[in-house]
C-alpha atoms as a PDB file:
ATOM      1  CA  MET A   1      34.189  16.323 -95.920  1.00  0.00           C
ATOM      2  CA  LEU A   2      30.889  16.323 -94.051  1.00  0.00           C
ATOM      3  CA  SER A   3      31.297  16.486 -90.299  1.00  0.00           C
ATOM      4  CA  SER A   4      28.347  16.698 -87.967  1.00  0.00           C
ATOM      5  CA  SER A   5      27.342  16.177 -84.374  1.00  0.00           C
ATOM      6  CA  ARG A   6      24.111  16.107 -82.467  1.00  0.00           C
ATOM      7  CA  THR A   7      22.754  16.039 -78.947  1.00  0.00           C
ATOM      8  CA  MET A   8      20.391  13.458 -77.544  1.00  0.00           C
ATOM      9  CA  PRO A   9      18.839  15.032 -74.417  1.00  0.00           C
ATOM     10  CA  ALA A  10      18.396  12.898 -71.346  1.00  0.00           C
ATOM     11  CA  PRO A  11      17.202  13.667 -67.830  1.00  0.00           C
ATOM     12  CA  VAL A  12      19.986  14.567 -65.425  1.00  0.00           C
ATOM     13  CA  SER A  13      19.698  14.294 -61.658  1.00  0.00           C
ATOM     14  CA  ALA A  14      21.842  16.056 -59.103  1.00  0.00           C
ATOM     15  CA  THR A  15      23.649  12.813 -58.394  1.00  0.00           C
ATOM     16  CA  ASP A  16      24.496  12.039 -62.027  1.00  0.00           C
ATOM     17  CA  ARG A  17      28.190  12.126 -62.837  1.00  0.00           C
ATOM     18  CA  ARG A  18      28.000  11.247 -66.478  1.00  0.00           C
ATOM     19  CA  VAL A  19      30.760  11.608 -69.036  1.00  0.00           C
ATOM     20  CA  PRO A  20      29.992  14.340 -71.606  1.00  0.00           C
ATOM     21  CA  VAL A  21      30.589  13.042 -75.139  1.00  0.00           C
ATOM     22  CA  ALA A  22      30.429  14.846 -78.497  1.00  0.00           C
ATOM     23  CA  VAL A  23      30.146  12.614 -81.562  1.00  0.00           C
ATOM     24  CA  SER A  24      31.211  13.587 -85.072  1.00  0.00           C
ATOM     25  CA  ALA A  25      31.398  11.512 -88.234  1.00  0.00           C
ATOM     26  CA  SER A  26      32.222  11.813 -91.914  1.00  0.00           C
ATOM     27  CA  ASP A  27      28.713  10.723 -92.908  1.00  0.00           C
ATOM     28  CA  PRO A  28      25.231  10.890 -91.318  1.00  0.00           C
ATOM     29  CA  ILE A  29      24.730   7.109 -91.166  1.00  0.00           C
ATOM     30  CA  SER A  30      27.897   6.638 -89.095  1.00  0.00           C
ATOM     31  CA  LEU A  31      26.854   9.542 -86.891  1.00  0.00           C
ATOM     32  CA  GLU A  32      23.422   8.066 -86.227  1.00  0.00           C
ATOM     33  CA  GLY A  33      24.936   4.658 -85.517  1.00  0.00           C
ATOM     34  CA  ALA A  34      27.429   5.943 -82.964  1.00  0.00           C
ATOM     35  CA  VAL A  35      24.849   8.160 -81.256  1.00  0.00           C
ATOM     36  CA  SER A  36      22.387   5.257 -81.113  1.00  0.00           C
ATOM     37  CA  GLN A  37      25.014   3.019 -79.496  1.00  0.00           C
ATOM     38  CA  LEU A  38      26.144   5.572 -76.914  1.00  0.00           C
ATOM     39  CA  ARG A  39      22.741   6.924 -75.883  1.00  0.00           C
ATOM     40  CA  ARG A  40      21.968   3.578 -74.238  1.00  0.00           C
ATOM     41  CA  HIS A  41      24.694   3.947 -71.620  1.00  0.00           C
ATOM     42  CA  PRO A  42      23.562   5.572 -68.354  1.00  0.00           C
ATOM     43  CA  GLY A  43      27.053   6.923 -67.638  1.00  0.00           C
ATOM     44  CA  ILE A  44      27.280   8.935 -70.863  1.00  0.00           C
ATOM     45  CA  GLU A  45      25.692  12.289 -71.670  1.00  0.00           C
ATOM     46  CA  LEU A  46      25.745  13.290 -75.342  1.00  0.00           C
ATOM     47  CA  ARG A  47      26.707  16.876 -76.100  1.00  0.00           C
ATOM     48  CA  GLU A  48      26.653  18.988 -79.244  1.00  0.00           C
ATOM     49  CA  GLU A  49      30.224  20.282 -79.039  1.00  0.00           C
ATOM     50  CA  SER A  50      33.512  19.098 -77.529  1.00  0.00           C
ATOM     51  CA  GLY A  51      35.485  21.167 -75.053  1.00  0.00           C
ATOM     52  CA  PRO A  52      37.401  20.953 -71.771  1.00  0.00           C
ATOM     53  CA  GLY A  53      36.269  17.942 -69.767  1.00  0.00           C
ATOM     54  CA  THR A  54      34.489  16.255 -72.678  1.00  0.00           C
ATOM     55  CA  VAL A  55      35.330  13.219 -74.769  1.00  0.00           C
ATOM     56  CA  ALA A  56      35.202  13.787 -78.532  1.00  0.00           C
ATOM     57  CA  LEU A  57      34.433  10.611 -80.483  1.00  0.00           C
ATOM     58  CA  LEU A  58      35.270  10.734 -84.183  1.00  0.00           C
ATOM     59  CA  VAL A  59      34.063   8.092 -86.648  1.00  0.00           C
ATOM     60  CA  GLU A  60      36.200   8.006 -89.791  1.00  0.00           C
ATOM     61  CA  ASP A  61      37.199   5.633 -92.583  1.00  0.00           C
ATOM     62  CA  ALA A  62      40.934   6.338 -92.234  1.00  0.00           C
ATOM     63  CA  PRO A  63      43.177   8.904 -90.470  1.00  0.00           C
ATOM     64  CA  ASP A  64      43.978  11.225 -93.374  1.00  0.00           C
ATOM     65  CA  GLU A  65      45.567  14.628 -92.870  1.00  0.00           C
ATOM     66  CA  ALA A  66      42.224  16.335 -92.331  1.00  0.00           C
ATOM     67  CA  VAL A  67      41.380  13.861 -89.562  1.00  0.00           C
ATOM     68  CA  LEU A  68      44.801  14.333 -87.928  1.00  0.00           C
ATOM     69  CA  THR A  69      44.337  18.106 -88.001  1.00  0.00           C
ATOM     70  CA  ARG A  70      40.931  17.750 -86.364  1.00  0.00           C
ATOM     71  CA  LEU A  71      42.356  15.450 -83.679  1.00  0.00           C
ATOM     72  CA  ARG A  72      45.145  17.899 -82.854  1.00  0.00           C
ATOM     73  CA  ARG A  73      42.631  20.726 -82.526  1.00  0.00           C
ATOM     74  CA  ILE A  74      40.370  18.662 -80.258  1.00  0.00           C
ATOM     75  CA  VAL A  75      43.199  17.784 -77.878  1.00  0.00           C
ATOM     76  CA  ARG A  76      45.430  20.855 -77.985  1.00  0.00           C
ATOM     77  CA  SER A  77      42.992  23.717 -78.545  1.00  0.00           C
ATOM     78  CA  GLU A  78      39.651  22.449 -77.262  1.00  0.00           C
ATOM     79  CA  GLY A  79      41.085  20.576 -74.269  1.00  0.00           C
ATOM     80  CA  ALA A  80      39.005  17.443 -74.877  1.00  0.00           C
ATOM     81  CA  ARG A  81      40.025  13.801 -74.883  1.00  0.00           C
ATOM     82  CA  ALA A  82      39.783  12.096 -78.275  1.00  0.00           C
ATOM     83  CA  VAL A  83      38.484   8.657 -79.228  1.00  0.00           C
ATOM     84  CA  LEU A  84      38.934   7.585 -82.856  1.00  0.00           C
ATOM     85  CA  VAL A  85      36.691   4.966 -84.445  1.00  0.00           C
ATOM     86  CA  VAL A  86      38.404   4.047 -87.697  1.00  0.00           C
ATOM     87  CA  GLY A  87      37.933   1.561 -90.518  1.00  0.00           C
ATOM     88  CA  SER A  88      41.588   1.089 -91.416  1.00  0.00           C
ATOM     89  CA  MET A  89      44.990   2.450 -90.494  1.00  0.00           C
ATOM     90  CA  ARG A  90      48.328   2.001 -92.216  1.00  0.00           C
ATOM     91  CA  GLU A  91      51.478   1.223 -90.255  1.00  0.00           C
ATOM     92  CA  ASN A  92      52.952   4.676 -90.818  1.00  0.00           C
ATOM     93  CA  GLU A  93      49.757   6.392 -89.622  1.00  0.00           C
ATOM     94  CA  LEU A  94      49.654   4.791 -86.180  1.00  0.00           C
ATOM     95  CA  LEU A  95      52.322   6.926 -84.501  1.00  0.00           C
ATOM     96  CA  ASP A  96      50.835  10.042 -86.101  1.00  0.00           C
ATOM     97  CA  VAL A  97      47.477   9.252 -84.502  1.00  0.00           C
ATOM     98  CA  VAL A  98      49.017   8.513 -81.108  1.00  0.00           C
ATOM     99  CA  GLU A  99      51.103  11.681 -81.194  1.00  0.00           C
ATOM    100  CA  CYS A 100      47.994  13.744 -81.957  1.00  0.00           C
ATOM    101  CA  GLY A 101      46.862  12.848 -78.452  1.00  0.00           C
ATOM    102  CA  VAL A 102      44.217  10.212 -79.193  1.00  0.00           C
ATOM    103  CA  ALA A 103      43.320   8.454 -75.957  1.00  0.00           C
ATOM    104  CA  ALA A 104      41.532   5.433 -77.460  1.00  0.00           C
ATOM    105  CA  ILE A 105      41.130   3.741 -80.831  1.00  0.00           C
ATOM    106  CA  VAL A 106      38.300   1.410 -81.850  1.00  0.00           C
ATOM    107  CA  TRP A 107      37.999  -0.516 -85.116  1.00  0.00           C
ATOM    108  CA  ARG A 108      34.707   0.273 -86.874  1.00  0.00           C
ATOM    109  CA  ARG A 109      34.057  -3.460 -87.276  1.00  0.00           C
ATOM    110  CA  GLU A 110      34.236  -3.832 -83.473  1.00  0.00           C
ATOM    111  CA  ALA A 111      32.244  -0.710 -82.566  1.00  0.00           C
ATOM    112  CA  THR A 112      29.471  -2.269 -80.509  1.00  0.00           C
ATOM    113  CA  ALA A 113      27.687  -0.268 -77.818  1.00  0.00           C
ATOM    114  CA  GLU A 114      29.794  -1.970 -75.143  1.00  0.00           C
ATOM    115  CA  ARG A 115      33.072  -1.406 -76.978  1.00  0.00           C
ATOM    116  CA  LEU A 116      32.379   2.277 -77.651  1.00  0.00           C
ATOM    117  CA  ALA A 117      31.312   2.932 -74.058  1.00  0.00           C
ATOM    118  CA  HIS A 118      34.429   1.171 -72.744  1.00  0.00           C
ATOM    119  CA  ALA A 119      36.681   3.349 -74.929  1.00  0.00           C
ATOM    120  CA  VAL A 120      34.881   6.568 -73.985  1.00  0.00           C
ATOM    121  CA  LEU A 121      34.970   5.846 -70.257  1.00  0.00           C
ATOM    122  CA  ALA A 122      38.638   4.813 -70.423  1.00  0.00           C
ATOM    123  CA  ALA A 123      39.473   8.045 -72.242  1.00  0.00           C
ATOM    124  CA  SER A 124      37.558  10.108 -69.684  1.00  0.00           C
ATOM    125  CA  ARG A 125      39.671   8.567 -66.895  1.00  0.00           C
ATOM    126  CA  GLY A 126      42.887   9.115 -68.824  1.00  0.00           C
ATOM    127  CA  ASP A 127      43.512   5.380 -69.076  1.00  0.00           C
ATOM    128  CA  GLY A 128      43.556   5.045 -72.861  1.00  0.00           C
ATOM    129  CA  ASP A 129      42.428   2.022 -74.864  1.00  0.00           C
ATOM    130  CA  LEU A 130      44.036   0.426 -77.930  1.00  0.00           C
ATOM    131  CA  PRO A 131      42.992  -2.791 -79.700  1.00  0.00           C
ATOM    132  CA  ALA A 132      45.462  -5.605 -79.045  1.00  0.00           C
ATOM    133  CA  ASP A 133      46.559  -5.795 -82.693  1.00  0.00           C
ATOM    134  CA  LEU A 134      47.244  -2.045 -82.801  1.00  0.00           C
ATOM    135  CA  LEU A 135      49.230  -2.202 -79.562  1.00  0.00           C
ATOM    136  CA  GLY A 136      51.385  -4.927 -81.106  1.00  0.00           C
ATOM    137  CA  ARG A 137      51.938  -2.814 -84.211  1.00  0.00           C
ATOM    138  CA  LEU A 138      52.813   0.209 -82.081  1.00  0.00           C
ATOM    139  CA  ILE A 139      55.386  -1.788 -80.140  1.00  0.00           C
ATOM    140  CA  HIS A 140      56.880  -3.098 -83.382  1.00  0.00           C
ATOM    141  CA  GLN A 141      56.985   0.325 -85.011  1.00  0.00           C
ATOM    142  CA  VAL A 142      58.589   2.225 -82.162  1.00  0.00           C
ATOM    143  CA  GLY A 143      60.949  -0.687 -81.600  1.00  0.00           C
ATOM    144  CA  THR A 144      62.105  -0.282 -85.204  1.00  0.00           C
ATOM    145  CA  LEU A 145      62.547   3.458 -84.672  1.00  0.00           C
ATOM    146  CA  HIS A 146      64.530   2.798 -81.504  1.00  0.00           C
ATOM    147  CA  ARG A 147      66.876   0.371 -83.257  1.00  0.00           C
ATOM    148  CA  GLY A 148      67.416   2.978 -85.954  1.00  0.00           C
ATOM    149  CA  THR A 149      68.419   5.666 -83.465  1.00  0.00           C
ATOM    150  CA  THR A 150      70.351   3.639 -80.863  1.00  0.00           C
ATOM    151  CA  GLY A 151      73.835   5.019 -80.477  1.00  0.00           C
ATOM    152  CA  ARG A 152      73.084   8.070 -82.582  1.00  0.00           C
ATOM    153  CA  ALA A 153      74.921  11.170 -81.422  1.00  0.00           C
ATOM    154  CA  GLY A 154      72.620  13.571 -79.671  1.00  0.00           C
ATOM    155  CA  ALA A 155      69.885  11.021 -78.962  1.00  0.00           C
ATOM    156  CA  PRO A 156      67.851  12.324 -76.005  1.00  0.00           C
ATOM    157  CA  ALA A 157      67.908  10.640 -72.624  1.00  0.00           C
ATOM    158  CA  LEU A 158      64.557  10.455 -70.879  1.00  0.00           C
ATOM    159  CA  GLY A 159      65.786   9.773 -67.391  1.00  0.00           C
ATOM    160  CA  LEU A 160      62.723   7.732 -66.410  1.00  0.00           C
ATOM    161  CA  THR A 161      62.681   6.520 -62.825  1.00  0.00           C
ATOM    162  CA  PRO A 162      62.266   2.805 -62.038  1.00  0.00           C
ATOM    163  CA  ARG A 163      58.753   3.556 -60.741  1.00  0.00           C
ATOM    164  CA  GLU A 164      57.812   5.273 -64.011  1.00  0.00           C
ATOM    165  CA  VAL A 165      59.191   2.378 -66.035  1.00  0.00           C
ATOM    166  CA  ASP A 166      57.204  -0.133 -63.953  1.00  0.00           C
ATOM    167  CA  VAL A 167      53.985   1.806 -64.457  1.00  0.00           C
ATOM    168  CA  LEU A 168      54.546   2.275 -68.200  1.00  0.00           C
ATOM    169  CA  ARG A 169      55.334  -1.400 -68.687  1.00  0.00           C
ATOM    170  CA  LEU A 170      51.970  -2.329 -67.186  1.00  0.00           C
ATOM    171  CA  VAL A 171      50.209   0.381 -69.211  1.00  0.00           C
ATOM    172  CA  SER A 172      51.735  -1.165 -72.350  1.00  0.00           C
ATOM    173  CA  GLU A 173      50.201  -4.496 -71.332  1.00  0.00           C
ATOM    174  CA  GLY A 174      46.738  -2.917 -71.327  1.00  0.00           C
ATOM    175  CA  LEU A 175      46.154  -2.631 -67.571  1.00  0.00           C
ATOM    176  CA  ASP A 176      44.027   0.210 -66.224  1.00  0.00           C
ATOM    177  CA  THR A 177      44.831   2.402 -63.222  1.00  0.00           C
ATOM    178  CA  GLY A 178      43.256   0.088 -60.645  1.00  0.00           C
ATOM    179  CA  GLU A 179      44.979  -3.005 -62.028  1.00  0.00           C
ATOM    180  CA  ILE A 180      48.360  -1.251 -62.110  1.00  0.00           C
ATOM    181  CA  ALA A 181      47.897  -0.128 -58.517  1.00  0.00           C
ATOM    182  CA  GLY A 182      47.125  -3.690 -57.481  1.00  0.00           C
ATOM    183  CA  LYS A 183      50.113  -5.149 -59.324  1.00  0.00           C
ATOM    184  CA  LEU A 184      52.581  -2.652 -57.842  1.00  0.00           C
ATOM    185  CA  SER A 185      50.945  -2.317 -54.409  1.00  0.00           C
ATOM    186  CA  TYR A 186      50.433   1.415 -54.972  1.00  0.00           C
ATOM    187  CA  SER A 187      47.332   3.502 -54.455  1.00  0.00           C
ATOM    188  CA  GLU A 188      45.443   4.566 -57.568  1.00  0.00           C
ATOM    189  CA  ARG A 189      46.348   8.170 -56.716  1.00  0.00           C
ATOM    190  CA  THR A 190      50.051   7.240 -56.786  1.00  0.00           C
ATOM    191  CA  VAL A 191      49.690   5.664 -60.234  1.00  0.00           C
ATOM    192  CA  LYS A 192      47.875   8.745 -61.528  1.00  0.00           C
ATOM    193  CA  ASN A 193      50.537  11.013 -60.038  1.00  0.00           C
ATOM    194  CA  VAL A 194      53.328   8.992 -61.667  1.00  0.00           C
ATOM    195  CA  MET A 195      51.624   9.219 -65.066  1.00  0.00           C
ATOM    196  CA  HIS A 196      50.850  12.910 -64.665  1.00  0.00           C
ATOM    197  CA  GLY A 197      54.422  13.666 -63.629  1.00  0.00           C
ATOM    198  CA  LEU A 198      56.098  11.927 -66.546  1.00  0.00           C
ATOM    199  CA  THR A 199      53.635  13.125 -69.199  1.00  0.00           C
ATOM    200  CA  THR A 200      53.992  16.703 -67.971  1.00  0.00           C
ATOM    201  CA  ARG A 201      57.784  16.536 -67.732  1.00  0.00           C
ATOM    202  CA  LEU A 202      58.217  14.967 -71.164  1.00  0.00           C
ATOM    203  CA  HIS A 203      55.426  16.959 -72.844  1.00  0.00           C
ATOM    204  CA  LEU A 204      53.497  13.797 -73.739  1.00  0.00           C
ATOM    205  CA  ARG A 205      49.772  13.925 -74.449  1.00  0.00           C
ATOM    206  CA  ASN A 206      48.429  10.710 -72.935  1.00  0.00           C
ATOM    207  CA  ARG A 207      49.310   7.171 -71.894  1.00  0.00           C
ATOM    208  CA  ALA A 208      49.586   5.775 -75.401  1.00  0.00           C
ATOM    209  CA  HIS A 209      51.995   8.566 -76.329  1.00  0.00           C
ATOM    210  CA  ALA A 210      54.014   7.893 -73.162  1.00  0.00           C
ATOM    211  CA  VAL A 211      54.242   4.173 -73.966  1.00  0.00           C
ATOM    212  CA  ALA A 212      55.325   4.922 -77.542  1.00  0.00           C
ATOM    213  CA  PHE A 213      57.974   7.339 -76.281  1.00  0.00           C
ATOM    214  CA  ALA A 214      59.331   4.901 -73.681  1.00  0.00           C
ATOM    215  CA  LEU A 215      59.436   2.075 -76.230  1.00  0.00           C
ATOM    216  CA  ARG A 216      61.248   4.260 -78.727  1.00  0.00           C
ATOM    217  CA  GLU A 217      63.883   5.110 -76.110  1.00  0.00           C
ATOM    218  CA  GLY A 218      64.304   1.484 -75.052  1.00  0.00           C
ATOM    219  CA  TYR A 219      62.932   1.717 -71.508  1.00  0.00           C
ATOM    220  CA  ILE A 220      60.295  -0.994 -72.036  1.00  0.00           C
END
């Protein structure tokens, strides 16, 4: 499978605080399209390779095993945040993608310049971004898993605090850090600390993974 990335240089001033983004795609036309869309945004700086502190945006037809392997490497080995632009995704592939550590998912048919930039910036902040229909499918899928494991001997107990549950419930509704802080009358730093604490304690990779885990265990 062809995978390529390219850099589009842009002037950088001392005051710029742009998000570094590396784009890869399974074909050169998709690559050019994504790069063309992202280069317009003043808050994004395109890079040749992903790494710590960068956002890696992958454009693929579907999340096959090769794509999942690449996503795991991006998140676990390279230390980047991953955004997946995908044409289709089966029900049984959704949890696999989330558990790889993908921070945001965008349908290829909805991949406008504005939509891509929104997903990239959300991923860079650690907020995550899922299309509404995918979020509904995720809730349904982990709900089914939870019903299948309820009462099973040896099922793990998460021990989430009420504060963590409140934050995760609002994350599952699609709210970002600022909106969650406003709803709960917390500071944004408090919300970030709550998310960091539970993801670290439970060995979860991002907000979407945390929501899936909490849904599966019946907390939200």
